[in-house]
N, C-alpha and C. Protein backbone atom coordinates (compact mmCIF):
# COMPACT_ATOMS: atom_id res chain seq x y z
N MET A 1 0.84 -1.17 0.00
CA MET A 1 0.00 0.00 0.00
C MET A 1 0.89 1.23 0.00
N THR A 2 0.60 2.14 -0.91
CA THR A 2 1.42 3.35 -1.02
C THR A 2 1.00 4.36 0.05
N GLU A 3 1.83 5.36 0.15
CA GLU A 3 1.56 6.40 1.15
C GLU A 3 0.28 7.16 0.82
N GLU A 4 0.02 7.42 -0.45
CA GLU A 4 -1.19 8.13 -0.86
C GLU A 4 -2.44 7.31 -0.55
N GLU A 5 -2.37 6.00 -0.79
CA GLU A 5 -3.51 5.13 -0.49
C GLU A 5 -3.77 5.08 1.02
N LEU A 6 -2.70 5.04 1.79
CA LEU A 6 -2.83 5.02 3.24
C LEU A 6 -3.47 6.32 3.74
N ILE A 7 -3.05 7.43 3.17
CA ILE A 7 -3.63 8.73 3.55
C ILE A 7 -5.10 8.78 3.19
N GLU A 8 -5.47 8.25 2.02
CA GLU A 8 -6.86 8.24 1.60
C GLU A 8 -7.71 7.35 2.52
N VAL A 9 -7.20 6.20 2.90
CA VAL A 9 -7.93 5.29 3.80
C VAL A 9 -8.14 5.94 5.15
N LEU A 10 -7.07 6.54 5.68
CA LEU A 10 -7.19 7.21 6.97
C LEU A 10 -8.13 8.41 6.90
N SER A 11 -8.10 9.13 5.82
CA SER A 11 -8.99 10.26 5.63
C SER A 11 -10.45 9.81 5.58
N ASN A 12 -10.71 8.74 4.84
CA ASN A 12 -12.07 8.20 4.79
C ASN A 12 -12.53 7.70 6.16
N PHE A 13 -11.61 7.10 6.87
CA PHE A 13 -11.96 6.59 8.21
C PHE A 13 -12.28 7.73 9.16
N THR A 14 -11.49 8.79 9.14
CA THR A 14 -11.77 9.93 10.01
C THR A 14 -13.07 10.61 9.62
N GLN A 15 -13.36 10.69 8.35
CA GLN A 15 -14.62 11.27 7.90
C GLN A 15 -15.79 10.42 8.39
N TYR A 16 -15.65 9.10 8.28
CA TYR A 16 -16.70 8.19 8.77
C TYR A 16 -16.92 8.38 10.27
N LEU A 17 -15.84 8.42 11.04
CA LEU A 17 -15.95 8.62 12.48
C LEU A 17 -16.65 9.93 12.81
N ASP A 18 -16.28 10.98 12.08
CA ASP A 18 -16.87 12.29 12.32
C ASP A 18 -18.37 12.29 12.03
N GLU A 19 -18.76 11.72 10.89
CA GLU A 19 -20.16 11.75 10.49
C GLU A 19 -21.03 10.77 11.28
N GLN A 20 -20.52 9.60 11.58
CA GLN A 20 -21.34 8.55 12.18
C GLN A 20 -21.27 8.49 13.70
N ILE A 21 -20.20 8.99 14.29
CA ILE A 21 -20.05 8.85 15.74
C ILE A 21 -19.97 10.20 16.45
N VAL A 22 -19.04 11.04 16.02
CA VAL A 22 -18.78 12.27 16.76
C VAL A 22 -19.95 13.26 16.66
N ARG A 23 -20.40 13.57 15.48
CA ARG A 23 -21.47 14.56 15.32
C ARG A 23 -22.77 14.13 15.99
N PRO A 24 -23.23 12.88 15.82
CA PRO A 24 -24.44 12.49 16.54
C PRO A 24 -24.28 12.54 18.06
N ALA A 25 -23.11 12.17 18.55
CA ALA A 25 -22.87 12.22 19.99
C ALA A 25 -22.89 13.65 20.49
N VAL A 26 -22.29 14.56 19.74
CA VAL A 26 -22.28 15.97 20.13
C VAL A 26 -23.70 16.53 20.13
N GLU A 27 -24.50 16.18 19.16
CA GLU A 27 -25.89 16.64 19.11
C GLU A 27 -26.69 16.12 20.28
N GLU A 28 -26.51 14.84 20.62
CA GLU A 28 -27.21 14.28 21.78
C GLU A 28 -26.77 14.98 23.05
N PHE A 29 -25.49 15.24 23.17
CA PHE A 29 -24.97 15.92 24.35
C PHE A 29 -25.53 17.33 24.45
N ARG A 30 -25.56 18.06 23.34
CA ARG A 30 -26.11 19.42 23.34
C ARG A 30 -27.58 19.43 23.71
N SER A 31 -28.36 18.51 23.14
CA SER A 31 -29.79 18.47 23.46
C SER A 31 -30.02 18.10 24.92
N ALA A 32 -29.16 17.23 25.47
CA ALA A 32 -29.29 16.88 26.88
C ALA A 32 -28.98 18.07 27.78
N ILE A 33 -27.97 18.83 27.41
CA ILE A 33 -27.61 20.01 28.20
C ILE A 33 -28.70 21.07 28.10
N GLU A 34 -29.26 21.25 26.91
CA GLU A 34 -30.33 22.22 26.76
C GLU A 34 -31.56 21.82 27.55
N GLY A 35 -31.77 20.50 27.72
CA GLY A 35 -32.91 20.02 28.49
C GLY A 35 -32.77 20.30 29.97
N LEU A 36 -31.55 20.44 30.43
CA LEU A 36 -31.33 20.77 31.83
C LEU A 36 -31.47 22.27 32.03
N ASN A 37 -32.04 22.64 33.14
CA ASN A 37 -32.16 24.05 33.45
C ASN A 37 -31.51 24.29 34.80
N PRO A 38 -30.18 24.54 34.82
CA PRO A 38 -29.49 24.67 36.09
C PRO A 38 -29.86 25.91 36.87
N HIS A 39 -30.48 26.88 36.24
CA HIS A 39 -30.80 28.13 36.91
C HIS A 39 -32.21 28.12 37.50
N LYS A 40 -32.92 27.03 37.35
CA LYS A 40 -34.27 26.92 37.90
C LYS A 40 -34.16 26.76 39.41
N PRO A 41 -34.73 27.68 40.18
CA PRO A 41 -34.65 27.55 41.63
C PRO A 41 -35.49 26.38 42.13
N LYS A 42 -35.03 25.76 43.19
CA LYS A 42 -35.76 24.65 43.76
C LYS A 42 -36.95 25.17 44.55
N SER A 43 -38.01 24.40 44.53
CA SER A 43 -39.19 24.79 45.30
C SER A 43 -38.96 24.48 46.77
N PHE A 44 -39.83 25.02 47.60
CA PHE A 44 -39.73 24.80 49.04
C PHE A 44 -39.86 23.30 49.35
N SER A 45 -40.79 22.64 48.69
CA SER A 45 -40.99 21.22 48.98
C SER A 45 -39.78 20.39 48.56
N GLU A 46 -39.10 20.76 47.47
CA GLU A 46 -37.88 20.04 47.07
C GLU A 46 -36.78 20.20 48.10
N MET A 47 -36.58 21.44 48.57
CA MET A 47 -35.54 21.68 49.57
C MET A 47 -35.87 20.99 50.89
N PHE A 48 -37.13 21.06 51.32
CA PHE A 48 -37.54 20.42 52.55
C PHE A 48 -37.44 18.90 52.43
N GLY A 49 -37.77 18.37 51.26
CA GLY A 49 -37.65 16.94 51.02
C GLY A 49 -36.21 16.48 51.09
N GLU A 50 -35.29 17.26 50.52
CA GLU A 50 -33.86 16.93 50.61
C GLU A 50 -33.40 16.93 52.07
N TYR A 51 -33.89 17.91 52.83
CA TYR A 51 -33.54 18.00 54.24
C TYR A 51 -33.96 16.73 54.97
N PHE A 52 -35.19 16.29 54.76
CA PHE A 52 -35.69 15.10 55.44
C PHE A 52 -34.93 13.84 55.02
N ARG A 53 -34.61 13.73 53.74
CA ARG A 53 -33.86 12.56 53.28
C ARG A 53 -32.47 12.51 53.92
N GLU A 54 -31.80 13.65 53.95
CA GLU A 54 -30.46 13.69 54.53
C GLU A 54 -30.49 13.47 56.04
N ALA A 55 -31.49 14.03 56.71
CA ALA A 55 -31.63 13.83 58.15
C ALA A 55 -31.89 12.35 58.46
N ALA A 56 -32.67 11.69 57.61
CA ALA A 56 -32.96 10.28 57.82
C ALA A 56 -31.69 9.44 57.75
N VAL A 57 -30.84 9.74 56.81
CA VAL A 57 -29.58 9.00 56.68
C VAL A 57 -28.67 9.27 57.87
N LEU A 58 -28.62 10.53 58.30
CA LEU A 58 -27.78 10.86 59.47
C LEU A 58 -28.27 10.15 60.73
N ILE A 59 -29.58 10.10 60.91
CA ILE A 59 -30.13 9.39 62.07
C ILE A 59 -29.77 7.92 61.99
N LEU A 60 -29.95 7.34 60.84
CA LEU A 60 -29.68 5.92 60.66
C LEU A 60 -28.21 5.58 60.92
N ILE A 61 -27.33 6.50 60.63
CA ILE A 61 -25.90 6.25 60.83
C ILE A 61 -25.44 6.59 62.24
N PHE A 62 -25.79 7.78 62.73
CA PHE A 62 -25.17 8.27 63.96
C PHE A 62 -25.82 7.81 65.25
N VAL A 63 -27.09 7.46 65.26
CA VAL A 63 -27.70 6.97 66.50
C VAL A 63 -27.06 5.65 66.94
N PRO A 64 -26.94 4.65 66.06
CA PRO A 64 -26.26 3.42 66.50
C PRO A 64 -24.79 3.65 66.86
N VAL A 65 -24.11 4.52 66.14
CA VAL A 65 -22.70 4.80 66.44
C VAL A 65 -22.60 5.44 67.82
N ASP A 66 -23.50 6.37 68.12
CA ASP A 66 -23.50 7.03 69.42
C ASP A 66 -23.76 6.03 70.55
N LEU A 67 -24.61 5.07 70.30
CA LEU A 67 -24.90 4.08 71.35
C LEU A 67 -23.76 3.08 71.53
N LEU A 68 -22.96 2.87 70.51
CA LEU A 68 -21.88 1.89 70.59
C LEU A 68 -20.59 2.43 71.20
N ILE A 69 -20.38 3.73 71.11
CA ILE A 69 -19.12 4.32 71.58
C ILE A 69 -19.13 4.42 73.11
N PRO A 70 -18.11 3.86 73.77
CA PRO A 70 -18.04 3.98 75.23
C PRO A 70 -17.81 5.43 75.64
N ARG A 71 -18.38 5.78 76.79
CA ARG A 71 -18.24 7.16 77.28
C ARG A 71 -17.47 7.14 78.60
N GLY A 72 -16.37 7.84 78.63
CA GLY A 72 -15.60 8.00 79.85
C GLY A 72 -15.17 6.68 80.46
N GLU A 73 -15.34 6.58 81.80
CA GLU A 73 -14.88 5.39 82.52
C GLU A 73 -15.86 4.23 82.40
N GLY A 74 -17.13 4.53 82.22
CA GLY A 74 -18.14 3.48 82.13
C GLY A 74 -18.11 2.81 80.77
N GLN A 75 -18.89 1.79 80.64
CA GLN A 75 -18.96 1.11 79.36
C GLN A 75 -20.00 1.79 78.49
N GLY A 76 -19.94 1.51 77.20
CA GLY A 76 -20.91 2.06 76.27
C GLY A 76 -22.29 1.48 76.53
N ARG A 77 -23.29 2.24 76.18
CA ARG A 77 -24.65 1.75 76.37
C ARG A 77 -24.96 0.67 75.34
N SER A 78 -25.74 -0.29 75.73
CA SER A 78 -26.10 -1.34 74.78
C SER A 78 -27.31 -0.90 73.97
N ILE A 79 -27.41 -1.43 72.79
CA ILE A 79 -28.52 -1.09 71.91
C ILE A 79 -29.65 -2.07 72.16
N SER A 80 -30.77 -1.54 72.62
CA SER A 80 -31.92 -2.41 72.83
C SER A 80 -32.67 -2.56 71.51
N ALA A 81 -33.45 -3.60 71.43
CA ALA A 81 -34.23 -3.83 70.22
C ALA A 81 -35.23 -2.69 70.01
N ARG A 82 -35.73 -2.13 71.10
CA ARG A 82 -36.69 -1.02 71.00
C ARG A 82 -36.04 0.23 70.38
N TRP A 83 -34.82 0.54 70.83
CA TRP A 83 -34.11 1.69 70.27
C TRP A 83 -33.79 1.48 68.80
N LEU A 84 -33.36 0.29 68.49
CA LEU A 84 -33.03 -0.02 67.11
C LEU A 84 -34.26 0.08 66.21
N ALA A 85 -35.37 -0.46 66.67
CA ALA A 85 -36.62 -0.38 65.89
C ALA A 85 -37.09 1.06 65.76
N ALA A 86 -37.01 1.82 66.86
CA ALA A 86 -37.44 3.23 66.81
C ALA A 86 -36.57 4.04 65.86
N THR A 87 -35.27 3.81 65.89
CA THR A 87 -34.36 4.51 64.99
C THR A 87 -34.65 4.16 63.54
N LEU A 88 -34.82 2.89 63.28
CA LEU A 88 -35.10 2.44 61.93
C LEU A 88 -36.43 2.99 61.43
N LEU A 89 -37.46 2.94 62.24
CA LEU A 89 -38.77 3.46 61.84
C LEU A 89 -38.74 4.97 61.60
N LEU A 90 -38.09 5.70 62.50
CA LEU A 90 -37.99 7.15 62.34
C LEU A 90 -37.23 7.50 61.07
N SER A 91 -36.15 6.81 60.84
CA SER A 91 -35.34 7.08 59.65
C SER A 91 -36.12 6.76 58.38
N LEU A 92 -36.77 5.62 58.33
CA LEU A 92 -37.54 5.25 57.15
C LEU A 92 -38.72 6.18 56.93
N ALA A 93 -39.37 6.61 58.00
CA ALA A 93 -40.48 7.54 57.88
C ALA A 93 -39.99 8.89 57.32
N MET A 94 -38.87 9.38 57.84
CA MET A 94 -38.34 10.65 57.34
C MET A 94 -37.89 10.52 55.89
N LEU A 95 -37.29 9.39 55.55
CA LEU A 95 -36.85 9.15 54.18
C LEU A 95 -38.04 9.13 53.24
N GLY A 96 -39.08 8.40 53.60
CA GLY A 96 -40.28 8.34 52.77
C GLY A 96 -40.96 9.68 52.64
N PHE A 97 -41.06 10.41 53.75
CA PHE A 97 -41.69 11.74 53.71
C PHE A 97 -40.88 12.69 52.84
N GLY A 98 -39.56 12.63 52.97
CA GLY A 98 -38.71 13.49 52.14
C GLY A 98 -38.84 13.17 50.67
N MET A 99 -38.89 11.90 50.32
CA MET A 99 -39.07 11.51 48.92
C MET A 99 -40.43 11.95 48.40
N TRP A 100 -41.45 11.82 49.22
CA TRP A 100 -42.79 12.25 48.83
C TRP A 100 -42.83 13.76 48.60
N LEU A 101 -42.19 14.52 49.49
CA LEU A 101 -42.16 15.97 49.34
C LEU A 101 -41.46 16.40 48.06
N GLU A 102 -40.37 15.73 47.73
CA GLU A 102 -39.61 16.10 46.54
C GLU A 102 -40.38 15.78 45.26
N ARG A 103 -41.12 14.72 45.25
CA ARG A 103 -41.81 14.29 44.03
C ARG A 103 -43.09 15.07 43.76
N ARG A 104 -43.73 15.57 44.80
CA ARG A 104 -44.99 16.30 44.56
C ARG A 104 -44.65 17.72 44.09
N LYS A 105 -45.41 18.17 43.16
CA LYS A 105 -45.15 19.52 42.64
C LYS A 105 -46.45 20.21 42.37
């Protein structure tokens, strides 16, 4: 294969890539970006819903950690089944309420 033929093959290949892959991908990307509206302010229910979801996760994580960590000279408090159930129910309720608040408009 001569150098000119190689250049022609590579040129055709780059043209194919540009027309069949790059341009359609760029158009899809542009339309996706145009579909997003980053300057749209969040509604009160969306912000409050996010607050409840994040609070639910924090409760689910930090209440058991707080009960497991020993304090001072005494031993750490044990986790009763009642505390565990109450923590789980509170967290799930807040999570569900937060998701519901965010979805309603």
